[in-house]
C-alpha atoms as a PDB file:
ATOM      1  CA  LEU A   1      -0.039  -0.196  -0.387  1.00  0.00           C
ATOM      2  CA  LEU A   2       3.157   2.659   0.631  1.00  0.00           C
ATOM      3  CA  TRP A   3       4.848   1.247  -2.384  1.00  0.00           C
ATOM      4  CA  HIS A   4       5.150   3.821  -4.536  1.00  0.00           C
ATOM      5  CA  LYS A   5       7.533   5.489  -7.283  1.00  0.00           C
ATOM      6  CA  GLY A   6       8.902   8.181  -4.365  1.00  0.00           C
ATOM      7  CA  PHE A   7       8.904   5.455  -2.130  1.00  0.00           C
ATOM      8  CA  ASN A   8      12.661   7.061  -0.603  1.00  0.00           C
ATOM      9  CA  LYS A   9      10.468  10.347   0.569  1.00  0.00           C
ATOM     10  CA  PRO A  10       8.375  10.598   3.590  1.00  0.00           C
ATOM     11  CA  THR A  11       4.811   8.818   3.309  1.00  0.00           C
ATOM     12  CA  THR A  12       2.048  11.741   4.279  1.00  0.00           C
ATOM     13  CA  THR A  13      -1.416  10.811   4.533  1.00  0.00           C
ATOM     14  CA  LYS A  14      -1.872  12.889   0.956  1.00  0.00           C
ATOM     15  CA  ASP A  15       0.190   9.523   0.013  1.00  0.00           C
ATOM     16  CA  ILE A  16      -1.853   6.736   1.723  1.00  0.00           C
ATOM     17  CA  SER A  17      -5.237   8.047   0.678  1.00  0.00           C
ATOM     18  CA  LEU A  18      -4.725   8.118  -3.049  1.00  0.00           C
ATOM     19  CA  GLN A  19      -3.029   4.743  -2.639  1.00  0.00           C
ATOM     20  CA  LEU A  20      -6.291   3.701  -1.482  1.00  0.00           C
ATOM     21  CA  THR A  21      -8.627   5.185  -3.730  1.00  0.00           C
ATOM     22  CA  LYS A  22      -6.310   3.789  -6.444  1.00  0.00           C
ATOM     23  CA  LEU A  23      -6.551   0.118  -4.777  1.00  0.00           C
ATOM     24  CA  LEU A  24     -10.683   0.396  -4.336  1.00  0.00           C
ATOM     25  CA  ARG A  25     -10.714   0.990  -7.890  1.00  0.00           C
ATOM     26  CA  GLU A  26      -8.943  -1.333  -8.645  1.00  0.00           C
ATOM     27  CA  LEU A  27     -10.608  -3.739  -7.044  1.00  0.00           C
ATOM     28  CA  LYS A  28     -13.627  -2.360  -7.793  1.00  0.00           C
ATOM     29  CA  ILE A  29     -14.774  -1.881  -4.184  1.00  0.00           C
ATOM     30  CA  VAL A  30     -18.214   0.492  -4.377  1.00  0.00           C
ATOM     31  CA  GLY A  31     -19.417   2.421  -1.117  1.00  0.00           C
ATOM     32  CA  ALA A  32     -15.894   2.583  -0.027  1.00  0.00           C
ATOM     33  CA  SER A  33     -13.592   5.423  -0.082  1.00  0.00           C
ATOM     34  CA  ALA A  34     -10.024   5.811   1.260  1.00  0.00           C
ATOM     35  CA  TYR A  35     -11.465   8.027   4.625  1.00  0.00           C
ATOM     36  CA  SER A  36     -13.940   5.370   5.536  1.00  0.00           C
ATOM     37  CA  ILE A  37     -11.010   3.036   5.596  1.00  0.00           C
ATOM     38  CA  ARG A  38      -9.034   5.346   7.559  1.00  0.00           C
ATOM     39  CA  HIS A  39     -11.722   5.812   9.710  1.00  0.00           C
ATOM     40  CA  SER A  40     -12.612   2.358  10.417  1.00  0.00           C
ATOM     41  CA  ALA A  41      -8.539   1.828  10.883  1.00  0.00           C
ATOM     42  CA  THR A  42      -8.365   4.519  13.390  1.00  0.00           C
ATOM     43  CA  ILE A  43     -11.185   3.782  15.151  1.00  0.00           C
ATOM     44  CA  GLU A  44     -10.676  -0.134  15.841  1.00  0.00           C
ATOM     45  CA  LEU A  45      -6.794   1.591  16.923  1.00  0.00           C
ATOM     46  CA  ALA A  46      -8.549   3.476  19.381  1.00  0.00           C
ATOM     47  CA  LYS A  47     -10.405   0.496  20.360  1.00  0.00           C
ATOM     48  CA  LEU A  48      -7.698  -1.563  21.086  1.00  0.00           C
ATOM     49  CA  GLU A  49      -5.596   1.114  22.629  1.00  0.00           C
ATOM     50  CA  LEU A  50      -8.296   2.357  25.569  1.00  0.00           C
ATOM     51  CA  THR A  51      -8.154  -1.601  26.863  1.00  0.00           C
ATOM     52  CA  LYS A  52      -5.032  -2.017  26.829  1.00  0.00           C
ATOM     53  CA  GLN A  53      -4.985   1.174  28.790  1.00  0.00           C
ATOM     54  CA  LEU A  54      -8.053  -0.095  31.020  1.00  0.00           C
ATOM     55  CA  GLY A  55      -5.732  -3.145  31.634  1.00  0.00           C
ATOM     56  CA  ASN A  56      -3.050  -1.487  32.717  1.00  0.00           C
ATOM     57  CA  GLN A  57      -5.426   0.877  34.874  1.00  0.00           C
ATOM     58  CA  GLN A  58      -6.308  -2.491  36.597  1.00  0.00           C
ATOM     59  CA  VAL A  59      -2.887  -4.132  37.062  1.00  0.00           C
ATOM     60  CA  THR A  60      -1.445  -1.219  38.034  1.00  0.00           C
ATOM     61  CA  GLN A  61      -4.168  -0.512  40.807  1.00  0.00           C
ATOM     62  CA  ALA A  62      -3.325  -3.663  41.829  1.00  0.00           C
ATOM     63  CA  LYS A  63      -0.040  -3.434  42.760  1.00  0.00           C
ATOM     64  CA  ILE A  64      -1.067  -0.753  44.581  1.00  0.00           C
ATOM     65  CA  MET A  65      -3.666  -2.396  46.494  1.00  0.00           C
ATOM     66  CA  LYS A  66      -1.458  -5.691  47.195  1.00  0.00           C
ATOM     67  CA  GLY A  67       1.878  -3.004  48.284  1.00  0.00           C
ATOM     68  CA  GLN A  68      -0.467  -1.517  50.943  1.00  0.00           C
ATOM     69  CA  THR A  69      -1.917  -4.666  51.925  1.00  0.00           C
ATOM     70  CA  ARG A  70       1.854  -6.082  52.621  1.00  0.00           C
ATOM     71  CA  TYR A  71       2.408  -3.098  54.630  1.00  0.00           C
ATOM     72  CA  LEU A  72       0.098  -3.472  56.849  1.00  0.00           C
ATOM     73  CA  ASN A  73       0.672  -7.151  57.056  1.00  0.00           C
ATOM     74  CA  LYS A  74       4.452  -6.216  57.805  1.00  0.00           C
ATOM     75  CA  LYS A  75       3.303  -3.405  60.575  1.00  0.00           C
ATOM     76  CA  VAL A  76       0.696  -6.009  62.868  1.00  0.00           C
ATOM     77  CA  ARG A  77       3.155  -8.662  62.665  1.00  0.00           C
ATOM     78  CA  GLN A  78       5.069  -6.653  64.613  1.00  0.00           C
ATOM     79  CA  GLY A  79       2.653  -5.036  66.589  1.00  0.00           C
ATOM     80  CA  GLU A  80       2.842  -1.391  65.973  1.00  0.00           C
ATOM     81  CA  LYS A  81       0.191   0.221  68.323  1.00  0.00           C
ATOM     82  CA  GLY A  82      -2.952   1.219  66.424  1.00  0.00           C
ATOM     83  CA  VAL A  83      -3.439  -1.316  63.123  1.00  0.00           C
ATOM     84  CA  THR A  84      -6.008  -3.384  63.759  1.00  0.00           C
ATOM     85  CA  ASN A  85      -5.733  -7.566  62.153  1.00  0.00           C
ATOM     86  CA  TYR A  86      -9.406  -7.748  61.020  1.00  0.00           C
ATOM     87  CA  TYR A  87      -8.354 -11.287  59.270  1.00  0.00           C
ATOM     88  CA  PRO A  88      -7.928 -12.720  63.081  1.00  0.00           C
ATOM     89  CA  ARG A  89      -8.668 -16.377  61.962  1.00  0.00           C
ATOM     90  CA  LEU A  90      -6.669 -16.717  59.290  1.00  0.00           C
ATOM     91  CA  PRO A  91      -3.244 -17.919  59.280  1.00  0.00           C
ATOM     92  CA  TRP A  92      -0.813 -15.646  58.164  1.00  0.00           C
ATOM     93  CA  ARG A  93       1.159 -16.433  54.601  1.00  0.00           C
ATOM     94  CA  GLN A  94       4.569 -15.746  54.743  1.00  0.00           C
ATOM     95  CA  GLY A  95       5.365 -13.864  51.240  1.00  0.00           C
ATOM     96  CA  ASN A  96       1.997 -13.694  50.735  1.00  0.00           C
ATOM     97  CA  ASP A  97      -0.809 -11.208  51.573  1.00  0.00           C
ATOM     98  CA  LEU A  98      -4.431 -11.700  52.116  1.00  0.00           C
ATOM     99  CA  LEU A  99      -6.402 -10.011  49.044  1.00  0.00           C
ATOM    100  CA  SER A 100      -4.044 -11.277  46.243  1.00  0.00           C
ATOM    101  CA  PRO A 101      -7.017 -13.822  45.104  1.00  0.00           C
ATOM    102  CA  TYR A 102      -9.349 -11.017  44.490  1.00  0.00           C
ATOM    103  CA  LEU A 103      -6.584  -8.215  43.430  1.00  0.00           C
ATOM    104  CA  LEU A 104      -6.862  -8.522  39.414  1.00  0.00           C
ATOM    105  CA  THR A 105     -10.863  -9.192  39.453  1.00  0.00           C
ATOM    106  CA  SER A 106     -12.351  -6.725  36.832  1.00  0.00           C
ATOM    107  CA  PRO A 107     -15.101  -4.367  37.964  1.00  0.00           C
ATOM    108  CA  LEU A 108     -17.269  -5.401  35.241  1.00  0.00           C
ATOM    109  CA  ALA A 109     -17.185  -8.925  37.093  1.00  0.00           C
ATOM    110  CA  HIS A 110     -19.533  -7.430  40.442  1.00  0.00           C
ATOM    111  CA  PRO A 111     -23.142  -7.298  39.737  1.00  0.00           C
ATOM    112  CA  LYS A 112     -25.092  -4.113  40.132  1.00  0.00           C
ATOM    113  CA  TYR A 113     -28.337  -4.010  42.077  1.00  0.00           C
ATOM    114  CA  VAL A 114     -31.008  -2.723  40.168  1.00  0.00           C
ATOM    115  CA  SER A 115     -34.121  -1.993  41.664  1.00  0.00           C
ATOM    116  CA  GLN A 116     -37.172  -3.739  40.964  1.00  0.00           C
ATOM    117  CA  PRO A 117     -40.135  -1.633  40.004  1.00  0.00           C
ATOM    118  CA  GLU A 118     -43.050  -1.384  42.106  1.00  0.00           C
ATOM    119  CA  VAL A 119     -46.276  -3.174  41.199  1.00  0.00           C
ATOM    120  CA  LYS A 120     -49.417  -0.494  42.085  1.00  0.00           C
ATOM    121  CA  GLU A 121     -53.454  -1.466  41.604  1.00  0.00           C
ATOM    122  CA  LYS A 122     -55.099   0.932  39.727  1.00  0.00           C
ATOM    123  CA  GLN A 123     -58.846   0.254  39.204  1.00  0.00           C
ATOM    124  CA  GLY A 124     -58.106  -3.163  38.644  1.00  0.00           C
ATOM    125  CA  GLU A 125     -55.539  -3.159  36.590  1.00  0.00           C
ATOM    126  CA  ASN A 126     -51.758  -3.278  37.187  1.00  0.00           C
ATOM    127  CA  SER A 127     -49.206  -0.896  36.322  1.00  0.00           C
ATOM    128  CA  LEU A 128     -45.678  -0.255  36.396  1.00  0.00           C
ATOM    129  CA  GLU A 129     -44.548   2.701  38.479  1.00  0.00           C
ATOM    130  CA  ASN A 130     -40.183   3.722  38.948  1.00  0.00           C
END
């Protein structure tokens, strides 16, 4: 797609558009333009990048939480005043913190509470109200 006679010079969006238009004509594709192909490709790349960024944010948050939990566990083991052991019945695991199985859980995996509509009778008929 990027091959043209002056390949030694930097390719511009104009060159790419011209090559896409030429390719569409050769393939006899009707209803598509260089702009629509570029637009679709840009949207798909943006979706992929957004997914990657969200994944990185979750991993970063998990690392922060894991570090904070290790700090808390260390202070509890040292018997520092003011630090409460919230898990008195669970055995301490060396090298492991208590929350590690839950750190990488996606927030979308947790169901949200959705209130049910109230049903009231009006003159013998049922009606729904939110």
